[in-house]
């Protein structure tokens, strides 16, 4: 099963991280990534630029509206993610608990859907073509 680990922080956690040696943060995250790679569970992961570089597309109006960042409250935003593949939900939780984050940070862990979630739509052309599309995009 694939899981996405979504990193979130509060304003206090972000401020506390400014007091830390950034190389120590990089090293801790690097060690975590290496451990997951060596265990064969890490499929993907990246940090994200700050929300001031992002934007939101809102579909509430007849035409979508694009709003430049920053947007939302800090605790609503996410700072990075990992995609891992584990045998069980419990194993995913164990990897999430090993993440080197401090107070004020959280990891939201969500299962990534797979073909079995769409068995009732097996005749749908897009569901049928999904493996070919993933191969073309080099996605596992």
C-alpha atoms as a PDB file:
ATOM      1  CA  UNK A   1       0.000   0.000   0.000  1.00  0.00           C
ATOM      2  CA  UNK A   2       1.178   3.486  -0.794  1.00  0.00           C
ATOM      3  CA  UNK A   3       0.891   6.313   1.700  1.00  0.00           C
ATOM      4  CA  UNK A   4       1.542  10.026   1.423  1.00  0.00           C
ATOM      5  CA  UNK A   5       3.144  11.677   4.434  1.00  0.00           C
ATOM      6  CA  UNK A   6       2.203  15.356   4.338  1.00  0.00           C
ATOM      7  CA  UNK A   7       4.346  17.678   6.473  1.00  0.00           C
ATOM      8  CA  UNK A   8       2.587  20.570   8.241  1.00  0.00           C
ATOM      9  CA  UNK A   9       3.956  23.151  10.684  1.00  0.00           C
ATOM     10  CA  UNK A  10       2.602  25.849  12.959  1.00  0.00           C
ATOM     11  CA  UNK A  11       3.973  29.409  13.061  1.00  0.00           C
ATOM     12  CA  UNK A  12       5.783  28.467  16.304  1.00  0.00           C
ATOM     13  CA  UNK A  13       7.478  25.488  14.634  1.00  0.00           C
ATOM     14  CA  UNK A  14       8.593  27.640  11.715  1.00  0.00           C
ATOM     15  CA  UNK A  15      10.029  30.264  14.064  1.00  0.00           C
ATOM     16  CA  UNK A  16      11.808  27.575  16.116  1.00  0.00           C
ATOM     17  CA  UNK A  17      13.364  26.142  12.960  1.00  0.00           C
ATOM     18  CA  UNK A  18      14.914  29.560  12.223  1.00  0.00           C
ATOM     19  CA  UNK A  19      16.932  29.181  15.430  1.00  0.00           C
ATOM     20  CA  UNK A  20      18.303  25.805  14.300  1.00  0.00           C
ATOM     21  CA  UNK A  21      21.374  25.205  12.164  1.00  0.00           C
ATOM     22  CA  UNK A  22      19.922  24.603   8.686  1.00  0.00           C
ATOM     23  CA  UNK A  23      22.636  22.066   7.883  1.00  0.00           C
ATOM     24  CA  UNK A  24      21.506  20.027  10.921  1.00  0.00           C
ATOM     25  CA  UNK A  25      17.957  20.043   9.547  1.00  0.00           C
ATOM     26  CA  UNK A  26      19.202  18.935   6.118  1.00  0.00           C
ATOM     27  CA  UNK A  27      21.312  16.174   7.704  1.00  0.00           C
ATOM     28  CA  UNK A  28      18.428  14.876   9.835  1.00  0.00           C
ATOM     29  CA  UNK A  29      16.073  14.793   6.850  1.00  0.00           C
ATOM     30  CA  UNK A  30      18.791  13.248   4.707  1.00  0.00           C
ATOM     31  CA  UNK A  31      19.334  10.448   7.228  1.00  0.00           C
ATOM     32  CA  UNK A  32      15.574   9.835   7.355  1.00  0.00           C
ATOM     33  CA  UNK A  33      15.385   9.669   3.545  1.00  0.00           C
ATOM     34  CA  UNK A  34      18.374   7.302   3.397  1.00  0.00           C
ATOM     35  CA  UNK A  35      16.799   5.022   6.023  1.00  0.00           C
ATOM     36  CA  UNK A  36      13.552   4.842   4.048  1.00  0.00           C
ATOM     37  CA  UNK A  37      15.467   4.269   0.804  1.00  0.00           C
ATOM     38  CA  UNK A  38      17.565   1.505   2.363  1.00  0.00           C
ATOM     39  CA  UNK A  39      14.389  -0.133   3.697  1.00  0.00           C
ATOM     40  CA  UNK A  40      12.890   0.011   0.201  1.00  0.00           C
ATOM     41  CA  UNK A  41       9.815   2.019   1.210  1.00  0.00           C
ATOM     42  CA  UNK A  42      10.548   5.481  -0.224  1.00  0.00           C
ATOM     43  CA  UNK A  43       9.014   6.084  -3.675  1.00  0.00           C
ATOM     44  CA  UNK A  44       9.138   9.885  -3.840  1.00  0.00           C
ATOM     45  CA  UNK A  45       9.438  12.976  -1.724  1.00  0.00           C
ATOM     46  CA  UNK A  46      10.138  16.669  -1.965  1.00  0.00           C
ATOM     47  CA  UNK A  47      10.086  19.849   0.039  1.00  0.00           C
ATOM     48  CA  UNK A  48       8.005  22.747  -1.199  1.00  0.00           C
ATOM     49  CA  UNK A  49       8.851  26.431  -1.699  1.00  0.00           C
ATOM     50  CA  UNK A  50       7.111  28.874   0.609  1.00  0.00           C
ATOM     51  CA  UNK A  51       3.451  29.783   0.089  1.00  0.00           C
ATOM     52  CA  UNK A  52       4.422  33.260  -1.100  1.00  0.00           C
ATOM     53  CA  UNK A  53       5.584  31.581  -4.330  1.00  0.00           C
ATOM     54  CA  UNK A  54       2.389  29.588  -4.721  1.00  0.00           C
ATOM     55  CA  UNK A  55      -1.156  30.300  -5.739  1.00  0.00           C
ATOM     56  CA  UNK A  56      -4.641  28.901  -5.284  1.00  0.00           C
ATOM     57  CA  UNK A  57      -7.155  28.200  -8.031  1.00  0.00           C
ATOM     58  CA  UNK A  58     -10.670  28.624  -6.596  1.00  0.00           C
ATOM     59  CA  UNK A  59     -13.517  26.916  -8.453  1.00  0.00           C
ATOM     60  CA  UNK A  60     -16.413  28.515  -6.537  1.00  0.00           C
ATOM     61  CA  UNK A  61     -17.084  31.061  -9.284  1.00  0.00           C
ATOM     62  CA  UNK A  62     -18.263  30.320 -12.835  1.00  0.00           C
ATOM     63  CA  UNK A  63     -14.694  30.910 -14.046  1.00  0.00           C
ATOM     64  CA  UNK A  64     -11.814  29.677 -11.836  1.00  0.00           C
ATOM     65  CA  UNK A  65     -10.078  32.476  -9.938  1.00  0.00           C
ATOM     66  CA  UNK A  66      -6.303  32.425  -9.372  1.00  0.00           C
ATOM     67  CA  UNK A  67      -5.045  34.045  -6.162  1.00  0.00           C
ATOM     68  CA  UNK A  68      -1.309  34.486  -5.548  1.00  0.00           C
ATOM     69  CA  UNK A  69       0.167  33.425  -2.210  1.00  0.00           C
ATOM     70  CA  UNK A  70       0.663  33.653   0.589  1.00  0.00           C
ATOM     71  CA  UNK A  71      -2.751  32.259   1.345  1.00  0.00           C
ATOM     72  CA  UNK A  72      -4.454  30.407   4.152  1.00  0.00           C
ATOM     73  CA  UNK A  73      -3.264  29.975   7.694  1.00  0.00           C
ATOM     74  CA  UNK A  74       0.103  28.330   8.293  1.00  0.00           C
ATOM     75  CA  UNK A  75      -1.373  25.165   9.818  1.00  0.00           C
ATOM     76  CA  UNK A  76      -3.449  24.663   6.639  1.00  0.00           C
ATOM     77  CA  UNK A  77      -0.405  24.604   4.374  1.00  0.00           C
ATOM     78  CA  UNK A  78       1.999  21.784   3.795  1.00  0.00           C
ATOM     79  CA  UNK A  79       5.752  22.082   3.472  1.00  0.00           C
ATOM     80  CA  UNK A  80       6.734  18.830   1.856  1.00  0.00           C
ATOM     81  CA  UNK A  81       5.759  15.238   1.325  1.00  0.00           C
ATOM     82  CA  UNK A  82       6.932  11.669   0.970  1.00  0.00           C
ATOM     83  CA  UNK A  83       5.279   8.800  -0.871  1.00  0.00           C
ATOM     84  CA  UNK A  84       6.112   5.502   0.757  1.00  0.00           C
ATOM     85  CA  UNK A  85       5.030   1.936   0.070  1.00  0.00           C
ATOM     86  CA  UNK A  86       4.561  -0.361   3.042  1.00  0.00           C
ATOM     87  CA  UNK A  87       2.870  -3.672   3.759  1.00  0.00           C
ATOM     88  CA  UNK A  88       0.515  -2.242   6.375  1.00  0.00           C
ATOM     89  CA  UNK A  89      -0.957   0.968   7.728  1.00  0.00           C
ATOM     90  CA  UNK A  90       0.911   0.285  10.964  1.00  0.00           C
ATOM     91  CA  UNK A  91       4.256   0.165   9.136  1.00  0.00           C
ATOM     92  CA  UNK A  92       3.441   3.513   7.498  1.00  0.00           C
ATOM     93  CA  UNK A  93       2.702   4.932  10.957  1.00  0.00           C
ATOM     94  CA  UNK A  94       6.054   3.634  12.248  1.00  0.00           C
ATOM     95  CA  UNK A  95       7.921   5.401   9.429  1.00  0.00           C
ATOM     96  CA  UNK A  96       5.913   8.588  10.031  1.00  0.00           C
ATOM     97  CA  UNK A  97       6.845   8.538  13.736  1.00  0.00           C
ATOM     98  CA  UNK A  98      10.558   8.386  12.804  1.00  0.00           C
ATOM     99  CA  UNK A  99      10.419  11.661  10.871  1.00  0.00           C
ATOM    100  CA  UNK A 100      12.794  14.209  12.454  1.00  0.00           C
ATOM    101  CA  UNK A 101      10.211  16.932  13.070  1.00  0.00           C
ATOM    102  CA  UNK A 102       9.865  18.940  16.257  1.00  0.00           C
ATOM    103  CA  UNK A 103       7.047  20.390  18.352  1.00  0.00           C
ATOM    104  CA  UNK A 104       4.433  22.249  16.318  1.00  0.00           C
ATOM    105  CA  UNK A 105       4.913  20.011  13.293  1.00  0.00           C
ATOM    106  CA  UNK A 106       2.595  17.257  12.139  1.00  0.00           C
ATOM    107  CA  UNK A 107       2.527  14.604   9.455  1.00  0.00           C
ATOM    108  CA  UNK A 108      -0.819  13.848   7.905  1.00  0.00           C
ATOM    109  CA  UNK A 109      -0.695  10.282   6.542  1.00  0.00           C
ATOM    110  CA  UNK A 110      -3.101   9.343   3.765  1.00  0.00           C
ATOM    111  CA  UNK A 111      -3.384   6.138   1.758  1.00  0.00           C
ATOM    112  CA  UNK A 112      -2.840   6.640  -1.964  1.00  0.00           C
ATOM    113  CA  UNK A 113      -5.634   5.031  -3.964  1.00  0.00           C
ATOM    114  CA  UNK A 114      -4.915   2.210  -6.400  1.00  0.00           C
ATOM    115  CA  UNK A 115      -6.768   0.234  -9.057  1.00  0.00           C
ATOM    116  CA  UNK A 116      -8.692  -1.760  -6.444  1.00  0.00           C
ATOM    117  CA  UNK A 117     -10.465   1.444  -5.392  1.00  0.00           C
ATOM    118  CA  UNK A 118     -12.006   1.678  -8.862  1.00  0.00           C
ATOM    119  CA  UNK A 119     -13.095  -1.930  -9.464  1.00  0.00           C
ATOM    120  CA  UNK A 120     -16.720  -0.821  -9.905  1.00  0.00           C
ATOM    121  CA  UNK A 121     -15.556   1.289 -12.857  1.00  0.00           C
ATOM    122  CA  UNK A 122     -13.323  -1.302 -14.560  1.00  0.00           C
ATOM    123  CA  UNK A 123     -15.053  -0.678 -17.909  1.00  0.00           C
ATOM    124  CA  UNK A 124     -14.359   3.057 -17.824  1.00  0.00           C
ATOM    125  CA  UNK A 125     -11.890   4.008 -20.583  1.00  0.00           C
ATOM    126  CA  UNK A 126      -9.788   6.168 -18.245  1.00  0.00           C
ATOM    127  CA  UNK A 127      -9.588   3.474 -15.583  1.00  0.00           C
ATOM    128  CA  UNK A 128      -8.577   0.934 -18.247  1.00  0.00           C
ATOM    129  CA  UNK A 129      -5.901   3.274 -19.646  1.00  0.00           C
ATOM    130  CA  UNK A 130      -4.432   4.286 -16.273  1.00  0.00           C
ATOM    131  CA  UNK A 131      -1.540   1.730 -16.324  1.00  0.00           C
ATOM    132  CA  UNK A 132      -0.492   2.907 -19.796  1.00  0.00           C
ATOM    133  CA  UNK A 133      -0.716   6.553 -18.747  1.00  0.00           C
ATOM    134  CA  UNK A 134       1.399   5.902 -15.636  1.00  0.00           C
ATOM    135  CA  UNK A 135       4.022   4.101 -17.726  1.00  0.00           C
ATOM    136  CA  UNK A 136       4.164   7.042 -20.139  1.00  0.00           C
ATOM    137  CA  UNK A 137       4.657   9.377 -17.181  1.00  0.00           C
ATOM    138  CA  UNK A 138       7.161   7.009 -15.511  1.00  0.00           C
ATOM    139  CA  UNK A 139       5.065   6.717 -12.356  1.00  0.00           C
ATOM    140  CA  UNK A 140       5.097   3.570 -10.229  1.00  0.00           C
END
